[in-house]
Protein backbone atom coordinates (compact mmCIF):
# COMPACT_ATOMS: atom_id res chain seq x y z
CA UNK A 1 -11.75 -10.22 -3.98
CA UNK A 2 -14.69 -7.96 -3.47
CA UNK A 3 -14.63 -4.61 -1.71
CA UNK A 4 -15.63 -6.20 1.62
CA UNK A 5 -12.77 -8.71 1.39
CA UNK A 6 -10.28 -5.93 0.65
CA UNK A 7 -11.56 -3.98 3.65
CA UNK A 8 -11.25 -7.06 5.87
CA UNK A 9 -7.76 -7.79 4.53
CA UNK A 10 -6.52 -4.31 5.40
CA UNK A 11 -8.28 -4.33 8.77
CA UNK A 12 -6.86 -7.70 9.82
CA UNK A 13 -3.32 -6.72 8.82
CA UNK A 14 -3.67 -3.40 10.61
CA UNK A 15 -4.94 -5.05 13.79
CA UNK A 16 -2.05 -7.51 13.70
CA UNK A 17 0.35 -4.53 13.58
CA UNK A 18 1.73 -5.50 10.17
CA UNK A 19 1.98 -1.84 9.26
CA UNK A 20 4.69 0.16 10.98
CA UNK A 21 3.00 3.53 10.69
CA UNK A 22 -0.41 5.15 10.53
CA UNK A 23 -0.89 6.47 6.97
CA UNK A 24 -3.58 9.03 7.81
CA UNK A 25 -1.53 10.58 10.59
CA UNK A 26 1.75 10.51 8.68
CA UNK A 27 0.29 11.94 5.49
CA UNK A 28 -1.01 14.96 7.35
CA UNK A 29 2.05 15.52 9.49
CA UNK A 30 4.75 14.76 6.91
CA UNK A 31 3.03 16.03 3.78
CA UNK A 32 3.67 12.72 1.98
CA UNK A 33 1.11 11.54 -0.52
CA UNK A 34 -0.21 7.98 -0.75
CA UNK A 35 2.28 6.97 -3.45
CA UNK A 36 5.19 8.12 -1.27
CA UNK A 37 3.74 6.30 1.73
CA UNK A 38 3.53 3.08 -0.28
CA UNK A 39 7.09 3.55 -1.50
CA UNK A 40 8.31 4.15 2.05
CA UNK A 41 6.41 1.11 3.33
CA UNK A 42 8.10 -1.16 0.77
CA UNK A 43 11.51 0.21 1.73
CA UNK A 44 10.73 -0.40 5.39
CA UNK A 45 9.47 -3.93 4.72
CA UNK A 46 12.63 -4.80 2.84
CA UNK A 47 14.88 -3.40 5.58
CA UNK A 48 12.98 -5.24 8.32
CA UNK A 49 12.01 -8.59 6.81
CA UNK A 50 13.80 -8.74 3.41
CA UNK A 51 10.55 -9.47 1.62
CA UNK A 52 7.50 -7.70 0.29
CA UNK A 53 3.76 -7.90 0.77
CA UNK A 54 1.34 -8.80 -1.99
CA UNK A 55 -1.43 -6.27 -2.45
CA UNK A 56 -4.42 -6.94 -4.75
CA UNK A 57 -3.43 -4.28 -7.28
CA UNK A 58 -5.56 -5.48 -10.19
CA UNK A 59 -8.69 -5.77 -8.04
CA UNK A 60 -8.17 -2.36 -6.45
CA UNK A 61 -7.51 -0.85 -9.88
CA UNK A 62 -10.71 -2.34 -11.24
CA UNK A 63 -12.80 -1.22 -8.27
CA UNK A 64 -11.22 2.21 -8.53
CA UNK A 65 -12.29 2.48 -12.18
CA UNK A 66 -15.87 1.36 -11.64
CA UNK A 67 -16.31 3.37 -8.44
CA UNK A 68 -15.32 6.73 -9.91
CA UNK A 69 -11.91 6.78 -8.14
CA UNK A 70 -13.27 5.97 -4.68
CA UNK A 71 -10.18 3.84 -4.02
CA UNK A 72 -7.63 6.24 -5.49
CA UNK A 73 -5.64 6.48 -2.25
CA UNK A 74 -5.29 2.71 -1.94
CA UNK A 75 -4.42 2.37 -5.62
CA UNK A 76 -1.78 5.09 -5.34
CA UNK A 77 -0.30 3.46 -2.21
CA UNK A 78 -0.03 0.11 -4.02
CA UNK A 79 1.57 1.78 -7.05
CA UNK A 80 4.22 3.35 -4.82
CA UNK A 81 4.80 0.08 -2.99
CA UNK A 82 5.21 -1.90 -6.21
CA UNK A 83 7.51 0.70 -7.78
CA UNK A 84 9.79 0.58 -4.73
CA UNK A 85 9.80 -3.22 -4.87
CA UNK A 86 10.83 -3.13 -8.55
CA UNK A 87 13.57 -0.57 -7.83
CA UNK A 88 14.96 -2.61 -4.94
CA UNK A 89 14.95 -5.83 -6.94
CA UNK A 90 16.68 -4.07 -9.85
CA UNK A 91 19.57 -3.09 -7.59
CA UNK A 92 20.11 -6.60 -6.21
């Protein structure tokens, strides 16, 4: 996946209402950081649909490294999401 494909992936999912909140608005109003938002999203996904989304963590991590942390927020969100998924699966 290149950066354009990642952008399109997020945009398409957003337009199809696959996210149940607006991260930019919530992060400012609730004080949550991107990691916490990712964690909360995974918890919400599990409660609603009993499954998890697959985010391109390795690609985002690579792009983040070569782009001087331009994708830090996305990378942090994915880290939070994946940590919540691991925690939930560990309790099952």
